[in-house]
């Protein structure tokens, strides 16, 4: 099982905007799941920073390509 960190790094490293958008959403879901697990204060802080960064990145991504 991948950790939320793996999904976070994959989302940040992706160069294709369409693929990156998908990975950002996957990472946000993984972070939400990570919040529900028992963790240290440092882990909770890391999750909050990663979540904020992903949500900022998501807002800067171009809209998805239209199909058709």
PDB file of N, CA and C in Angstrom:
ATOM      1  N   UNK A   1       0.846  -1.194   0.000  1.00  0.00           N
ATOM      2  CA  UNK A   1       0.000   0.000   0.000  1.00  0.00           C
ATOM      3  C   UNK A   1       0.885   1.248   0.000  1.00  0.00           C
ATOM      4  N   UNK A   2       0.609   2.145  -0.921  1.00  0.00           N
ATOM      5  CA  UNK A   2       1.368   3.389  -0.994  1.00  0.00           C
ATOM      6  C   UNK A   2       0.958   4.313   0.141  1.00  0.00           C
ATOM      7  N   UNK A   3       1.888   5.089   0.582  1.00  0.00           N
ATOM      8  CA  UNK A   3       1.553   6.089   1.588  1.00  0.00           C
ATOM      9  C   UNK A   3       1.061   7.350   0.874  1.00  0.00           C
ATOM     10  N   UNK A   4       0.467   8.236   1.618  1.00  0.00           N
ATOM     11  CA  UNK A   4       0.020   9.492   1.031  1.00  0.00           C
ATOM     12  C   UNK A   4       1.198  10.256   0.457  1.00  0.00           C
ATOM     13  N   UNK A   5       2.388  10.062   1.044  1.00  0.00           N
ATOM     14  CA  UNK A   5       3.576  10.764   0.556  1.00  0.00           C
ATOM     15  C   UNK A   5       3.935  10.347  -0.865  1.00  0.00           C
ATOM     16  N   UNK A   6       3.792   9.056  -1.165  1.00  0.00           N
ATOM     17  CA  UNK A   6       4.077   8.573  -2.512  1.00  0.00           C
ATOM     18  C   UNK A   6       3.145   9.239  -3.526  1.00  0.00           C
ATOM     19  N   UNK A   7       1.867   9.312  -3.188  1.00  0.00           N
ATOM     20  CA  UNK A   7       0.896   9.946  -4.082  1.00  0.00           C
ATOM     21  C   UNK A   7       1.171  11.443  -4.218  1.00  0.00           C
ATOM     22  N   UNK A   8       1.554  12.073  -3.138  1.00  0.00           N
ATOM     23  CA  UNK A   8       1.875  13.503  -3.141  1.00  0.00           C
ATOM     24  C   UNK A   8       3.059  13.794  -4.057  1.00  0.00           C
ATOM     25  N   UNK A   9       4.120  13.036  -3.912  1.00  0.00           N
ATOM     26  CA  UNK A   9       5.318  13.235  -4.735  1.00  0.00           C
ATOM     27  C   UNK A   9       5.005  12.975  -6.208  1.00  0.00           C
ATOM     28  N   UNK A  10       4.241  11.932  -6.486  1.00  0.00           N
ATOM     29  CA  UNK A  10       3.876  11.626  -7.869  1.00  0.00           C
ATOM     30  C   UNK A  10       3.092  12.776  -8.493  1.00  0.00           C
ATOM     31  N   UNK A  11       2.185  13.361  -7.733  1.00  0.00           N
ATOM     32  CA  UNK A  11       1.392  14.488  -8.242  1.00  0.00           C
ATOM     33  C   UNK A  11       2.272  15.696  -8.527  1.00  0.00           C
ATOM     34  N   UNK A  12       3.212  15.971  -7.655  1.00  0.00           N
ATOM     35  CA  UNK A  12       4.086  17.120  -7.851  1.00  0.00           C
ATOM     36  C   UNK A  12       5.038  16.922  -9.025  1.00  0.00           C
ATOM     37  N   UNK A  13       5.477  15.693  -9.240  1.00  0.00           N
ATOM     38  CA  UNK A  13       6.482  15.414 -10.266  1.00  0.00           C
ATOM     39  C   UNK A  13       5.899  15.301 -11.672  1.00  0.00           C
ATOM     40  N   UNK A  14       4.619  15.053 -11.798  1.00  0.00           N
ATOM     41  CA  UNK A  14       4.005  14.845 -13.109  1.00  0.00           C
ATOM     42  C   UNK A  14       4.062  16.115 -13.951  1.00  0.00           C
ATOM     43  N   UNK A  15       4.419  15.966 -15.204  1.00  0.00           N
ATOM     44  CA  UNK A  15       4.543  17.121 -16.112  1.00  0.00           C
ATOM     45  C   UNK A  15       3.311  17.330 -16.983  1.00  0.00           C
ATOM     46  N   UNK A  16       2.586  16.262 -17.299  1.00  0.00           N
ATOM     47  CA  UNK A  16       1.396  16.372 -18.133  1.00  0.00           C
ATOM     48  C   UNK A  16       0.243  16.914 -17.289  1.00  0.00           C
ATOM     49  N   UNK A  17      -0.329  18.062 -17.655  1.00  0.00           N
ATOM     50  CA  UNK A  17      -1.379  18.670 -16.821  1.00  0.00           C
ATOM     51  C   UNK A  17      -2.597  17.783 -16.601  1.00  0.00           C
ATOM     52  N   UNK A  18      -3.021  17.050 -17.632  1.00  0.00           N
ATOM     53  CA  UNK A  18      -4.190  16.187 -17.462  1.00  0.00           C
ATOM     54  C   UNK A  18      -3.890  15.056 -16.489  1.00  0.00           C
ATOM     55  N   UNK A  19      -2.750  14.435 -16.641  1.00  0.00           N
ATOM     56  CA  UNK A  19      -2.355  13.355 -15.733  1.00  0.00           C
ATOM     57  C   UNK A  19      -2.101  13.917 -14.332  1.00  0.00           C
ATOM     58  N   UNK A  20      -1.509  15.099 -14.263  1.00  0.00           N
ATOM     59  CA  UNK A  20      -1.229  15.707 -12.968  1.00  0.00           C
ATOM     60  C   UNK A  20      -2.524  15.993 -12.210  1.00  0.00           C
ATOM     61  N   UNK A  21      -3.541  16.448 -12.919  1.00  0.00           N
ATOM     62  CA  UNK A  21      -4.821  16.721 -12.272  1.00  0.00           C
ATOM     63  C   UNK A  21      -5.361  15.452 -11.610  1.00  0.00           C
ATOM     64  N   UNK A  22      -5.290  14.341 -12.340  1.00  0.00           N
ATOM     65  CA  UNK A  22      -5.754  13.061 -11.797  1.00  0.00           C
ATOM     66  C   UNK A  22      -4.947  12.674 -10.559  1.00  0.00           C
ATOM     67  N   UNK A  23      -3.629  12.830 -10.645  1.00  0.00           N
ATOM     68  CA  UNK A  23      -2.769  12.468  -9.518  1.00  0.00           C
ATOM     69  C   UNK A  23      -2.983  13.377  -8.318  1.00  0.00           C
ATOM     70  N   UNK A  24      -3.277  14.643  -8.557  1.00  0.00           N
ATOM     71  CA  UNK A  24      -3.566  15.569  -7.452  1.00  0.00           C
ATOM     72  C   UNK A  24      -4.807  15.103  -6.699  1.00  0.00           C
ATOM     73  N   UNK A  25      -5.852  14.747  -7.444  1.00  0.00           N
ATOM     74  CA  UNK A  25      -7.064  14.265  -6.780  1.00  0.00           C
ATOM     75  C   UNK A  25      -6.797  12.974  -6.007  1.00  0.00           C
ATOM     76  N   UNK A  26      -6.016  12.069  -6.596  1.00  0.00           N
ATOM     77  CA  UNK A  26      -5.677  10.829  -5.898  1.00  0.00           C
ATOM     78  C   UNK A  26      -4.902  11.119  -4.616  1.00  0.00           C
ATOM     79  N   UNK A  27      -3.979  12.063  -4.694  1.00  0.00           N
ATOM     80  CA  UNK A  27      -3.179  12.408  -3.522  1.00  0.00           C
ATOM     81  C   UNK A  27      -4.040  13.052  -2.432  1.00  0.00           C
ATOM     82  N   UNK A  28      -4.986  13.888  -2.828  1.00  0.00           N
ATOM     83  CA  UNK A  28      -5.875  14.508  -1.840  1.00  0.00           C
ATOM     84  C   UNK A  28      -6.694  13.434  -1.123  1.00  0.00           C
ATOM     85  N   UNK A  29      -7.179  12.451  -1.863  1.00  0.00           N
ATOM     86  CA  UNK A  29      -7.922  11.346  -1.252  1.00  0.00           C
ATOM     87  C   UNK A  29      -7.012  10.579  -0.284  1.00  0.00           C
ATOM     88  N   UNK A  30      -5.781  10.305  -0.705  1.00  0.00           N
ATOM     89  CA  UNK A  30      -4.841   9.583   0.154  1.00  0.00           C
ATOM     90  C   UNK A  30      -4.545  10.374   1.426  1.00  0.00           C
ATOM     91  N   UNK A  31      -4.445  11.674   1.297  1.00  0.00           N
ATOM     92  CA  UNK A  31      -4.199  12.528   2.465  1.00  0.00           C
ATOM     93  C   UNK A  31      -5.394  12.475   3.414  1.00  0.00           C
ATOM     94  N   UNK A  32      -6.595  12.525   2.864  1.00  0.00           N
ATOM     95  CA  UNK A  32      -7.792  12.418   3.719  1.00  0.00           C
ATOM     96  C   UNK A  32      -7.793  11.098   4.482  1.00  0.00           C
ATOM     97  N   UNK A  33      -7.402  10.026   3.822  1.00  0.00           N
ATOM     98  CA  UNK A  33      -7.320   8.734   4.497  1.00  0.00           C
ATOM     99  C   UNK A  33      -6.208   8.743   5.545  1.00  0.00           C
ATOM    100  N   UNK A  34      -5.102   9.405   5.234  1.00  0.00           N
ATOM    101  CA  UNK A  34      -3.991   9.487   6.174  1.00  0.00           C
ATOM    102  C   UNK A  34      -4.364  10.222   7.449  1.00  0.00           C
ATOM    103  N   UNK A  35      -5.260  11.182   7.319  1.00  0.00           N
ATOM    104  CA  UNK A  35      -5.709  11.929   8.505  1.00  0.00           C
ATOM    105  C   UNK A  35      -6.416  11.022   9.502  1.00  0.00           C
ATOM    106  N   UNK A  36      -7.076   9.996   8.995  1.00  0.00           N
ATOM    107  CA  UNK A  36      -7.861   9.132   9.880  1.00  0.00           C
ATOM    108  C   UNK A  36      -6.996   8.143  10.656  1.00  0.00           C
ATOM    109  N   UNK A  37      -5.737   7.996  10.272  1.00  0.00           N
ATOM    110  CA  UNK A  37      -4.839   7.083  10.979  1.00  0.00           C
ATOM    111  C   UNK A  37      -4.167   7.800  12.151  1.00  0.00           C
ATOM    112  N   UNK A  38      -3.896   7.038  13.179  1.00  0.00           N
ATOM    113  CA  UNK A  38      -3.170   7.612  14.316  1.00  0.00           C
ATOM    114  C   UNK A  38      -1.792   8.037  13.848  1.00  0.00           C
ATOM    115  N   UNK A  39      -1.348   9.227  14.257  1.00  0.00           N
ATOM    116  CA  UNK A  39      -0.055   9.735  13.808  1.00  0.00           C
ATOM    117  C   UNK A  39       0.529  10.709  14.821  1.00  0.00           C
ATOM    118  N   UNK A  40       1.755  11.016  14.592  1.00  0.00           N
ATOM    119  CA  UNK A  40       2.434  11.991  15.445  1.00  0.00           C
ATOM    120  C   UNK A  40       2.031  13.414  15.033  1.00  0.00           C
ATOM    121  N   UNK A  41       2.389  14.356  15.866  1.00  0.00           N
ATOM    122  CA  UNK A  41       2.144  15.760  15.557  1.00  0.00           C
ATOM    123  C   UNK A  41       2.890  16.164  14.283  1.00  0.00           C
ATOM    124  N   UNK A  42       4.097  15.648  14.109  1.00  0.00           N
ATOM    125  CA  UNK A  42       4.889  15.968  12.917  1.00  0.00           C
ATOM    126  C   UNK A  42       4.216  15.443  11.651  1.00  0.00           C
ATOM    127  N   UNK A  43       3.671  14.240  11.733  1.00  0.00           N
ATOM    128  CA  UNK A  43       2.960  13.652  10.588  1.00  0.00           C
ATOM    129  C   UNK A  43       1.718  14.477  10.259  1.00  0.00           C
ATOM    130  N   UNK A  44       0.982  14.886  11.270  1.00  0.00           N
ATOM    131  CA  UNK A  44      -0.209  15.703  11.054  1.00  0.00           C
ATOM    132  C   UNK A  44       0.160  17.029  10.396  1.00  0.00           C
ATOM    133  N   UNK A  45       1.248  17.647  10.829  1.00  0.00           N
ATOM    134  CA  UNK A  45       1.703  18.894  10.218  1.00  0.00           C
ATOM    135  C   UNK A  45       2.100  18.678   8.762  1.00  0.00           C
ATOM    136  N   UNK A  46       2.793  17.576   8.482  1.00  0.00           N
ATOM    137  CA  UNK A  46       3.215  17.270   7.106  1.00  0.00           C
ATOM    138  C   UNK A  46       1.994  17.062   6.212  1.00  0.00           C
ATOM    139  N   UNK A  47       0.993  16.389   6.729  1.00  0.00           N
ATOM    140  CA  UNK A  47      -0.236  16.173   5.959  1.00  0.00           C
ATOM    141  C   UNK A  47      -0.920  17.500   5.666  1.00  0.00           C
ATOM    142  N   UNK A  48      -0.998  18.370   6.638  1.00  0.00           N
ATOM    143  CA  UNK A  48      -1.639  19.664   6.424  1.00  0.00           C
ATOM    144  C   UNK A  48      -0.897  20.496   5.381  1.00  0.00           C
ATOM    145  N   UNK A  49       0.430  20.495   5.438  1.00  0.00           N
ATOM    146  CA  UNK A  49       1.220  21.244   4.443  1.00  0.00           C
ATOM    147  C   UNK A  49       1.037  20.653   3.047  1.00  0.00           C
ATOM    148  N   UNK A  50       1.062  19.333   2.944  1.00  0.00           N
ATOM    149  CA  UNK A  50       0.891  18.676   1.646  1.00  0.00           C
ATOM    150  C   UNK A  50      -0.496  18.956   1.085  1.00  0.00           C
ATOM    151  N   UNK A  51      -1.501  18.886   1.926  1.00  0.00           N
ATOM    152  CA  UNK A  51      -2.865  19.150   1.482  1.00  0.00           C
ATOM    153  C   UNK A  51      -2.994  20.573   0.953  1.00  0.00           C
ATOM    154  N   UNK A  52      -2.451  21.509   1.664  1.00  0.00           N
ATOM    155  CA  UNK A  52      -2.510  22.911   1.232  1.00  0.00           C
ATOM    156  C   UNK A  52      -1.793  23.092  -0.106  1.00  0.00           C
ATOM    157  N   UNK A  53      -0.630  22.477  -0.254  1.00  0.00           N
ATOM    158  CA  UNK A  53       0.128  22.596  -1.504  1.00  0.00           C
ATOM    159  C   UNK A  53      -0.648  21.983  -2.672  1.00  0.00           C
ATOM    160  N   UNK A  54      -1.250  20.827  -2.450  1.00  0.00           N
ATOM    161  CA  UNK A  54      -1.999  20.174  -3.526  1.00  0.00           C
ATOM    162  C   UNK A  54      -3.224  20.989  -3.919  1.00  0.00           C
ATOM    163  N   UNK A  55      -3.900  21.536  -2.971  1.00  0.00           N
ATOM    164  CA  UNK A  55      -5.090  22.329  -3.282  1.00  0.00           C
ATOM    165  C   UNK A  55      -4.705  23.617  -4.013  1.00  0.00           C
ATOM    166  N   UNK A  56      -3.564  24.189  -3.675  1.00  0.00           N
ATOM    167  CA  UNK A  56      -3.067  25.349  -4.408  1.00  0.00           C
ATOM    168  C   UNK A  56      -2.710  24.954  -5.834  1.00  0.00           C
ATOM    169  N   UNK A  57      -1.999  23.848  -5.977  1.00  0.00           N
ATOM    170  CA  UNK A  57      -1.635  23.353  -7.304  1.00  0.00           C
ATOM    171  C   UNK A  57      -2.876  23.056  -8.131  1.00  0.00           C
ATOM    172  N   UNK A  58      -3.856  22.411  -7.544  1.00  0.00           N
ATOM    173  CA  UNK A  58      -5.096  22.086  -8.251  1.00  0.00           C
ATOM    174  C   UNK A  58      -5.753  23.347  -8.806  1.00  0.00           C
ATOM    175  N   UNK A  59      -5.723  24.412  -8.047  1.00  0.00           N
ATOM    176  CA  UNK A  59      -6.314  25.667  -8.498  1.00  0.00           C
ATOM    177  C   UNK A  59      -5.560  26.320  -9.644  1.00  0.00           C
ATOM    178  N   UNK A  60      -4.302  25.966  -9.828  1.00  0.00           N
ATOM    179  CA  UNK A  60      -3.485  26.552 -10.887  1.00  0.00           C
ATOM    180  C   UNK A  60      -3.444  25.711 -12.159  1.00  0.00           C
ATOM    181  N   UNK A  61      -3.951  24.483 -12.084  1.00  0.00           N
ATOM    182  CA  UNK A  61      -3.944  23.621 -13.265  1.00  0.00           C
ATOM    183  C   UNK A  61      -4.983  24.106 -14.267  1.00  0.00           C
ATOM    184  N   UNK A  62      -4.665  24.010 -15.555  1.00  0.00           N
ATOM    185  CA  UNK A  62      -5.669  24.385 -16.563  1.00  0.00           C
ATOM    186  C   UNK A  62      -6.855  23.427 -16.516  1.00  0.00           C
ATOM    187  N   UNK A  63      -7.985  23.893 -16.987  1.00  0.00           N
ATOM    188  CA  UNK A  63      -9.160  23.034 -17.054  1.00  0.00           C
ATOM    189  C   UNK A  63      -8.861  21.832 -17.932  1.00  0.00           C
ATOM    190  N   UNK A  64      -9.565  20.741 -17.682  1.00  0.00           N
ATOM    191  CA  UNK A  64      -9.364  19.524 -18.456  1.00  0.00           C
ATOM    192  C   UNK A  64      -9.758  19.724 -19.913  1.00  0.00           C
ATOM    193  N   UNK A  65      -9.156  18.911 -20.753  1.00  0.00           N
ATOM    194  CA  UNK A  65      -9.481  18.970 -22.177  1.00  0.00           C
ATOM    195  C   UNK A  65     -10.901  18.485 -22.396  1.00  0.00           C
ATOM    196  N   UNK A  66     -11.595  19.144 -23.320  1.00  0.00           N
ATOM    197  CA  UNK A  66     -12.949  18.688 -23.624  1.00  0.00           C
ATOM    198  C   UNK A  66     -12.882  17.503 -24.575  1.00  0.00           C
ATOM    199  N   UNK A  67     -13.720  16.541 -24.344  1.00  0.00           N
ATOM    200  CA  UNK A  67     -13.800  15.345 -25.181  1.00  0.00           C
ATOM    201  C   UNK A  67     -14.845  15.576 -26.256  1.00  0.00           C
ATOM    202  N   UNK A  68     -14.529  15.173 -27.469  1.00  0.00           N
ATOM    203  CA  UNK A  68     -15.563  15.299 -28.483  1.00  0.00           C
ATOM    204  C   UNK A  68     -15.087  15.753 -29.726  1.00  0.00           C
TER     205      UNK A  68
END
